[in-house]
Protein backbone atom coordinates (compact mmCIF):
# COMPACT_ATOMS: atom_id res chain seq x y z
CA MET A 1 -28.54 -2.01 22.96
CA SER A 2 -28.17 -5.40 24.63
CA GLU A 3 -29.51 -7.04 21.45
CA TRP A 4 -26.82 -5.44 19.32
CA ARG A 5 -23.83 -7.62 18.54
CA GLN A 6 -20.24 -6.60 17.93
CA ALA A 7 -19.16 -7.47 14.41
CA ILE A 8 -17.09 -6.32 11.45
CA LEU A 9 -18.22 -4.69 8.21
CA GLY A 10 -17.68 -7.95 6.34
CA GLU A 11 -20.61 -9.37 8.33
CA LEU A 12 -22.92 -6.57 7.16
CA VAL A 13 -22.28 -6.56 3.41
CA ARG A 14 -20.17 -8.11 0.67
CA LEU A 15 -18.66 -5.77 -1.90
CA GLN A 16 -17.50 -6.00 -5.49
CA ARG A 17 -15.84 -3.56 -7.85
CA GLY A 18 -18.17 -1.95 -10.41
CA HIS A 19 -18.10 -2.37 -14.17
CA ASP A 20 -16.55 -0.12 -16.80
CA LEU A 21 -18.95 1.79 -19.04
CA THR A 22 -17.64 4.63 -21.18
CA GLU A 23 -19.85 7.44 -22.47
CA THR A 24 -19.71 5.99 -25.98
CA GLN A 25 -20.83 2.57 -24.73
CA ARG A 26 -23.99 3.93 -23.11
CA THR A 27 -27.36 3.53 -24.77
CA PRO A 28 -30.12 5.95 -23.71
CA GLY A 29 -32.42 4.28 -21.24
CA THR A 30 -33.92 4.42 -17.76
CA VAL A 31 -31.21 2.56 -15.82
CA PRO A 32 -29.17 4.91 -13.61
CA VAL A 33 -25.40 4.67 -13.85
CA ILE A 34 -23.89 5.18 -10.38
CA GLY A 35 -20.40 6.63 -10.19
CA SER A 36 -18.18 7.51 -7.26
CA ALA A 37 -20.08 10.74 -6.49
CA GLY A 38 -23.54 9.30 -7.22
CA PRO A 39 -25.72 9.10 -10.35
CA ASN A 40 -23.84 10.25 -13.45
CA GLY A 41 -26.01 9.22 -16.38
CA TRP A 42 -28.28 6.58 -17.86
CA HIS A 43 -28.08 3.29 -19.74
CA ASN A 44 -30.53 0.67 -21.01
CA VAL A 45 -29.01 -2.31 -19.21
CA ALA A 46 -28.61 -2.96 -15.46
CA ARG A 47 -25.75 -4.90 -13.87
CA ALA A 48 -27.13 -4.91 -10.32
CA LYS A 49 -30.56 -5.28 -8.76
CA GLY A 50 -32.05 -2.66 -6.49
CA PRO A 51 -32.28 -1.68 -3.78
CA GLY A 52 -28.55 -1.23 -3.87
CA VAL A 53 -25.68 0.58 -2.20
CA THR A 54 -22.44 1.83 -3.72
CA VAL A 55 -19.28 3.30 -2.20
CA GLY A 56 -17.06 5.68 -4.17
CA ARG A 57 -13.87 3.75 -4.81
CA SER A 58 -11.41 6.30 -6.13
CA GLY A 59 -10.56 9.97 -6.46
CA ALA A 60 -12.05 12.86 -4.53
CA SER A 61 -15.32 10.95 -4.03
CA ALA A 62 -13.73 7.90 -2.40
CA GLY A 63 -16.01 6.84 0.46
CA VAL A 64 -19.16 8.56 -0.85
CA VAL A 65 -22.14 6.26 -0.19
CA THR A 66 -25.11 6.17 -2.57
CA PHE A 67 -28.39 4.32 -2.03
CA VAL A 68 -30.42 3.43 -5.12
CA ASN A 69 -33.91 1.92 -5.11
CA GLU A 70 -34.09 0.55 -8.64
CA ASN A 71 -31.92 -1.74 -10.74
CA TYR A 72 -28.74 0.08 -11.75
CA TRP A 73 -25.30 -0.05 -13.35
CA PRO A 74 -22.47 0.31 -10.79
CA HIS A 75 -19.59 2.08 -12.54
CA ASN A 76 -16.04 0.86 -12.10
CA THR A 77 -15.32 3.90 -9.90
CA VAL A 78 -17.41 2.31 -7.13
CA LEU A 79 -17.62 -0.73 -4.93
CA TYR A 80 -21.17 -2.06 -4.79
CA VAL A 81 -22.96 -4.39 -2.43
CA THR A 82 -23.59 -7.81 -3.93
CA ASP A 83 -24.98 -9.38 -0.75
CA PHE A 84 -26.52 -7.69 2.29
CA LEU A 85 -26.19 -10.95 4.25
CA GLY A 86 -29.76 -10.69 5.51
CA ASN A 87 -29.41 -7.07 6.65
CA ASP A 88 -31.64 -4.16 5.65
CA PRO A 89 -30.18 -2.38 2.57
CA LEU A 90 -31.13 1.14 3.68
CA PHE A 91 -29.74 0.54 7.16
CA ALA A 92 -26.52 -0.70 5.57
CA ALA A 93 -26.27 2.52 3.55
CA TYR A 94 -26.68 4.66 6.66
CA MET A 95 -24.19 2.53 8.56
CA LEU A 96 -21.61 2.95 5.79
CA ARG A 97 -22.13 6.73 5.87
CA THR A 98 -21.02 6.86 9.49
CA LEU A 99 -17.70 5.13 8.80
CA PRO A 100 -14.46 6.95 7.83
CA LEU A 101 -14.22 4.99 4.60
CA ALA A 102 -12.15 7.59 2.74
CA GLU A 103 -9.39 7.14 5.33
CA LEU A 104 -9.15 3.41 4.60
CA ASN A 105 -7.50 3.76 1.20
CA SER A 106 -5.14 1.17 -0.17
CA GLY A 107 -2.09 3.38 0.26
CA SER A 108 -1.67 4.64 -3.31
CA ALA A 109 -0.97 8.28 -4.11
CA GLN A 110 -4.55 8.74 -5.28
CA ALA A 111 -7.28 7.77 -2.82
CA SER A 112 -8.51 4.27 -3.68
CA LEU A 113 -10.57 1.84 -1.62
CA ASN A 114 -10.03 -1.90 -1.57
CA ARG A 115 -12.92 -4.00 -0.29
CA ASN A 116 -10.57 -6.20 1.71
CA CYS A 117 -9.40 -3.12 3.62
CA LEU A 118 -13.00 -2.36 4.57
CA TYR A 119 -14.22 -5.75 5.73
CA GLY A 120 -12.35 -5.63 9.04
CA VAL A 121 -13.84 -2.32 10.24
CA PRO A 122 -15.51 -2.93 13.63
CA ILE A 123 -19.23 -2.14 13.85
CA ALA A 124 -22.26 -3.07 15.95
CA ILE A 125 -25.22 -4.73 14.21
CA PRO A 126 -28.75 -4.69 15.70
CA PRO A 127 -31.53 -7.19 14.98
CA LEU A 128 -33.20 -6.86 11.56
CA GLU A 129 -36.39 -5.30 12.95
CA THR A 130 -34.35 -2.62 14.72
CA GLN A 131 -32.42 -2.02 11.50
CA ARG A 132 -35.67 -1.43 9.64
CA ARG A 133 -36.99 0.97 12.29
CA ILE A 134 -33.74 2.96 12.27
CA ALA A 135 -33.78 3.10 8.47
CA ALA A 136 -37.43 4.22 8.51
CA VAL A 137 -36.67 7.18 10.79
CA LEU A 138 -33.62 8.33 8.85
CA GLY A 139 -35.37 7.64 5.56
CA ALA A 140 -38.28 9.84 6.63
CA TYR A 141 -35.89 12.79 6.88
CA ASP A 142 -34.53 12.05 3.41
CA ASP A 143 -38.06 11.68 2.02
CA LEU A 144 -39.05 15.09 3.41
CA ILE A 145 -35.89 16.61 1.93
CA GLU A 146 -36.66 15.05 -1.45
CA VAL A 147 -40.25 16.36 -1.41
CA ASN A 148 -38.92 19.85 -0.72
CA ARG A 149 -36.37 19.50 -3.53
CA ARG A 150 -39.14 18.67 -5.95
CA ARG A 151 -41.13 21.68 -4.78
CA VAL A 152 -38.02 23.82 -5.25
CA ALA A 153 -37.68 22.52 -8.82
CA VAL A 154 -41.31 23.45 -9.57
CA LEU A 155 -40.88 26.95 -8.15
CA GLU A 156 -37.62 27.48 -10.04
CA GLU A 157 -39.40 26.47 -13.24
CA MET A 158 -42.15 28.98 -12.44
CA ALA A 159 -39.60 31.78 -12.08
CA ARG A 160 -37.88 30.74 -15.32
CA GLY A 161 -41.19 30.52 -17.14
CA LEU A 162 -42.26 33.96 -15.94
CA PHE A 163 -38.98 35.48 -17.12
CA GLU A 164 -39.22 33.80 -20.53
CA GLU A 165 -42.84 34.81 -20.97
CA TRP A 166 -42.08 38.47 -20.26
CA PHE A 167 -38.60 39.01 -21.66
CA VAL A 168 -38.13 36.34 -24.35
CA ARG A 169 -41.62 35.94 -25.81
CA PHE A 170 -42.53 39.59 -25.04
CA ARG A 171 -45.82 38.54 -23.41
CA PHE A 172 -45.45 40.89 -20.44
CA PRO A 173 -48.43 42.59 -18.74
CA GLY A 174 -49.87 45.06 -21.23
CA HIS A 175 -48.06 43.55 -24.20
CA GLU A 176 -51.23 43.69 -26.29
CA ALA A 177 -50.97 47.48 -26.43
CA ALA A 178 -47.17 47.60 -26.80
CA THR A 179 -45.58 48.89 -29.99
CA ILE A 180 -42.98 46.64 -31.59
CA VAL A 181 -40.25 48.59 -33.37
CA ASP A 182 -37.44 47.64 -35.72
CA THR A 183 -33.96 48.11 -34.26
CA PRO A 184 -30.44 47.20 -35.46
CA ASP A 185 -30.73 44.21 -33.10
CA GLY A 186 -34.11 43.05 -34.38
CA GLN A 187 -37.67 43.74 -33.36
CA LEU A 188 -38.16 44.91 -29.78
CA PRO A 189 -40.97 46.45 -27.76
CA TRP A 190 -40.79 50.24 -27.72
CA GLY A 191 -38.46 51.47 -24.95
CA TRP A 192 -36.39 48.27 -24.91
CA SER A 193 -32.79 48.11 -26.11
CA VAL A 194 -29.81 45.81 -26.47
CA GLY A 195 -26.71 46.71 -24.48
CA GLU A 196 -23.68 45.33 -22.71
CA LEU A 197 -24.15 43.33 -19.54
CA GLY A 198 -21.80 45.76 -17.80
CA GLY A 199 -24.47 48.44 -18.08
CA LEU A 200 -26.65 46.45 -15.68
CA LEU A 201 -24.21 45.04 -13.16
CA HIS A 202 -20.60 44.67 -12.09
CA LEU A 203 -18.63 41.50 -11.35
CA GLN A 204 -16.32 41.60 -8.33
CA TYR A 205 -13.60 39.02 -7.78
CA GLY A 206 -14.08 36.47 -5.03
CA LYS A 207 -11.38 36.02 -2.41
CA ALA A 208 -9.31 32.93 -1.63
CA LEU A 209 -10.26 31.02 1.51
CA LYS A 210 -8.42 27.72 1.89
CA ALA A 211 -10.26 24.82 3.43
CA ASP A 212 -7.84 24.57 6.36
CA THR A 213 -8.45 28.22 7.31
CA ARG A 214 -12.25 27.99 7.38
CA VAL A 215 -14.10 27.94 10.68
CA PRO A 216 -17.42 26.07 10.32
CA GLY A 217 -20.30 28.50 10.70
CA ASP A 218 -23.46 29.90 9.14
CA VAL A 219 -21.80 31.60 6.14
CA SER A 220 -21.78 29.66 2.86
CA VAL A 221 -18.42 29.38 1.10
CA ILE A 222 -19.19 29.37 -2.63
CA GLY A 223 -17.04 28.48 -5.62
CA SER A 224 -17.83 27.95 -9.27
CA SER A 225 -19.37 24.54 -8.52
CA GLY A 226 -21.63 25.81 -5.73
CA VAL A 227 -21.39 25.67 -1.96
CA VAL A 228 -18.05 24.09 -0.98
CA GLY A 229 -18.14 24.66 2.79
CA THR A 230 -19.02 27.11 5.54
CA HIS A 231 -17.26 29.81 7.53
CA THR A 232 -17.97 32.20 10.39
CA ALA A 233 -17.11 35.42 8.51
CA ARG A 234 -18.82 36.79 5.43
CA LEU A 235 -17.36 38.56 2.44
CA VAL A 236 -20.75 39.52 0.96
CA ARG A 237 -24.09 40.11 2.62
CA GLY A 238 -26.90 37.94 1.26
CA PRO A 239 -28.96 37.58 -0.77
CA GLY A 240 -26.53 37.60 -3.67
CA ILE A 241 -25.43 35.99 -6.91
CA VAL A 242 -22.16 34.21 -7.73
CA VAL A 243 -20.84 33.57 -11.25
CA GLY A 244 -18.28 30.84 -11.96
CA ARG A 245 -14.90 32.24 -13.08
CA LYS A 246 -12.63 29.17 -13.11
CA GLY A 247 -13.58 25.53 -13.45
CA ASN A 248 -17.35 25.56 -13.88
CA VAL A 249 -17.27 28.62 -16.12
CA GLY A 250 -20.38 30.77 -16.22
CA SER A 251 -22.29 28.87 -13.53
CA VAL A 252 -24.84 31.09 -11.80
CA ILE A 253 -25.46 30.43 -8.11
CA TRP A 254 -27.96 32.10 -5.79
CA SER A 255 -27.22 32.56 -2.10
CA THR A 256 -29.94 33.67 0.27
CA LYS A 257 -27.58 33.80 3.24
CA ASP A 258 -24.42 35.83 3.76
CA PHE A 259 -21.62 34.20 1.80
CA TRP A 260 -17.93 34.10 0.97
CA PRO A 261 -17.28 33.73 -2.78
CA ILE A 262 -13.83 32.21 -3.26
CA ASP A 263 -11.36 33.10 -5.99
CA THR A 264 -12.83 30.70 -8.56
CA SER A 265 -15.85 32.98 -8.78
CA TYR A 266 -17.20 36.50 -9.16
CA PHE A 267 -20.00 38.03 -7.14
CA VAL A 268 -22.55 40.42 -8.59
CA GLU A 269 -23.09 44.05 -7.64
CA THR A 270 -26.24 45.65 -9.08
CA ALA A 271 -29.05 48.05 -8.26
CA LEU A 272 -31.58 45.94 -10.18
CA PRO A 273 -33.89 43.32 -8.63
CA LEU A 274 -31.75 40.26 -7.99
CA MET A 275 -34.33 37.81 -9.31
CA PHE A 276 -34.26 39.57 -12.69
CA VAL A 277 -30.46 39.59 -12.75
CA TYR A 278 -30.30 35.93 -11.72
CA GLU A 279 -32.59 34.76 -14.51
CA LEU A 280 -30.86 37.04 -17.02
CA LEU A 281 -27.41 35.70 -16.17
CA ARG A 282 -28.61 32.11 -16.55
CA ARG A 283 -29.23 32.90 -20.23
CA VAL A 284 -25.96 34.66 -21.03
CA PRO A 285 -23.67 32.44 -23.17
CA PHE A 286 -20.39 32.72 -21.26
CA GLN A 287 -17.94 30.86 -23.50
CA ASN A 288 -14.52 29.73 -22.33
CA THR A 289 -12.10 32.64 -22.84
CA ASP A 290 -8.99 31.12 -21.27
CA ALA A 291 -7.43 28.43 -23.43
CA ALA A 292 -5.07 26.89 -20.85
CA VAL A 293 -7.53 26.62 -17.96
CA PRO A 294 -11.30 26.97 -18.31
CA GLY A 295 -11.91 30.55 -17.26
CA LEU A 296 -14.18 33.57 -17.68
CA ASN A 297 -12.52 36.92 -18.35
CA ARG A 298 -14.38 39.70 -16.55
CA ASP A 299 -14.15 42.26 -19.37
CA TYR A 300 -15.36 39.65 -21.82
CA ALA A 301 -18.28 38.71 -19.56
CA LEU A 302 -19.36 42.31 -19.06
CA SER A 303 -19.21 42.96 -22.80
CA ARG A 304 -21.85 40.31 -23.57
CA ARG A 305 -24.86 41.92 -25.21
CA VAL A 306 -28.26 41.36 -23.62
CA THR A 307 -31.80 42.56 -24.15
CA VAL A 308 -32.66 45.36 -21.71
CA PRO A 309 -36.38 45.91 -20.95
CA THR A 310 -37.74 49.15 -19.53
CA GLY A 311 -36.86 49.88 -15.92
CA ASP A 312 -40.50 49.81 -14.87
CA LEU A 313 -40.97 46.32 -16.27
CA ILE A 314 -37.79 45.05 -14.61
CA GLU A 315 -39.00 46.38 -11.26
CA ARG A 316 -42.42 44.85 -11.83
CA TYR A 317 -40.87 41.46 -12.55
CA GLY A 318 -38.92 41.75 -9.32
CA ARG A 319 -42.16 42.27 -7.38
CA PHE A 320 -43.88 39.36 -9.16
CA ALA A 321 -40.93 37.00 -8.66
CA GLN A 322 -40.17 37.85 -5.03
CA PRO A 323 -42.95 35.68 -3.51
CA ILE A 324 -41.55 32.74 -5.50
CA ARG A 325 -38.08 33.49 -4.13
CA ASP A 326 -39.48 33.70 -0.60
CA GLN A 327 -41.01 30.23 -0.96
CA LEU A 328 -37.75 28.87 -2.38
CA ASP A 329 -35.79 30.31 0.52
CA ALA A 330 -38.22 28.82 3.05
CA LEU A 331 -37.96 25.36 1.48
CA GLU A 332 -34.17 25.49 1.28
CA THR A 333 -33.95 26.63 4.91
CA SER A 334 -36.27 23.77 5.89
CA ASN A 335 -34.03 21.30 4.07
CA GLU A 336 -30.94 22.63 5.82
CA LYS A 337 -32.61 22.09 9.19
CA LEU A 338 -33.87 18.62 8.24
CA ALA A 339 -30.42 17.58 7.00
CA ALA A 340 -28.79 18.92 10.17
CA SER A 341 -31.26 16.99 12.35
CA ARG A 342 -30.73 13.81 10.33
CA ASP A 343 -26.95 14.13 10.48
CA LEU A 344 -27.12 14.66 14.24
CA LEU A 345 -29.27 11.58 14.72
CA LEU A 346 -27.41 9.34 12.28
CA PRO A 347 -24.30 8.38 14.29
CA ARG A 348 -26.26 8.08 17.56
CA LEU A 349 -28.94 5.86 16.03
CA ILE A 350 -26.51 3.69 14.09
CA SER A 351 -24.35 3.15 17.17
CA GLY A 352 -27.31 2.38 19.44
CA GLN A 353 -26.66 5.39 21.68
CA LEU A 354 -30.12 6.78 20.87
CA SER A 355 -33.32 4.75 20.98
CA VAL A 356 -35.59 4.60 17.96
CA GLU A 357 -38.47 5.89 20.08
CA THR A 358 -36.56 9.04 21.00
CA ALA A 359 -35.54 9.55 17.37
CA GLN A 360 -39.17 9.21 16.26
CA ARG A 361 -40.20 11.93 18.73
CA GLU A 362 -37.45 14.20 17.41
CA LEU A 363 -38.69 13.56 13.87
CA GLU A 364 -42.21 14.59 14.88
CA ASP A 365 -40.85 17.78 16.45
CA ALA A 366 -38.82 18.56 13.31
CA THR A 367 -41.84 18.24 11.03
């Protein structure tokens, strides 16, 4: 710690406002466009060289820090680093994540960051080699999390593919001997039918839980956009399925743990295997049925017509898909633990309170 020097943020990085780029101005390409909340699309031209760091400049994502390895386009909703002043870029990103940037707004009604308001924030800067070692430890956690995310994506695709093979293409076990019959809804395997979604499940309303009344805990608080926080009390025992009611209409979210679905969502009650119901719901076209505010009317949702296989085949799919779900749950639990360990280490490493050697040992224990 004796080698660390007291400084201000303006000695770590120099910042500049990003560049406007509307949807119509974008040309399909491989250059990521980085907005206030992170990547938000692609373009064929870069305005900044990677590795780079951006800070959300305005709105609800003010203060969100994004690290990008490749050349990129920083959107005008961000501030981006134009000069790391000889410091390690990844270390700078982690340092910025420890600072209360969102609280340093320029004083307007809507949160907005001004680079000149940030430069005077006091920080401690270690030697470059120490910066790189700190970034390597924290980056190792993020790399492990990213590997798990990719494995999750592969497993989710396997579950989707299995569902489509059985229930969309009708190539289920024993399909060679199945009889295909003509029905008013088209050709279906014998014993299958088309009926209303409400014949398979029920949608219960979520319950309001304001952010200032939540007590951080192990229960996921879920809205139409996904997990929005945690709480100590559950409304529904996991595993379960949430469907977006307001805002992100028709979104389908899986929760392995106990959860609290808030009032922008429904939660599913069903006697069928949840993996079957989850994949089925992902294919139901829930159109907007509330003109004033994007919303999903429950009666409308339950009246959607879906293909209904035989009960035996649904149960069989549940048994086939469950091992995939178990692997998904294990990976997601691992990522939660890795993220918690990283977030615990981050402020202590960046401030010099924890040695890199100790952090490396904790990383070995975590993996």
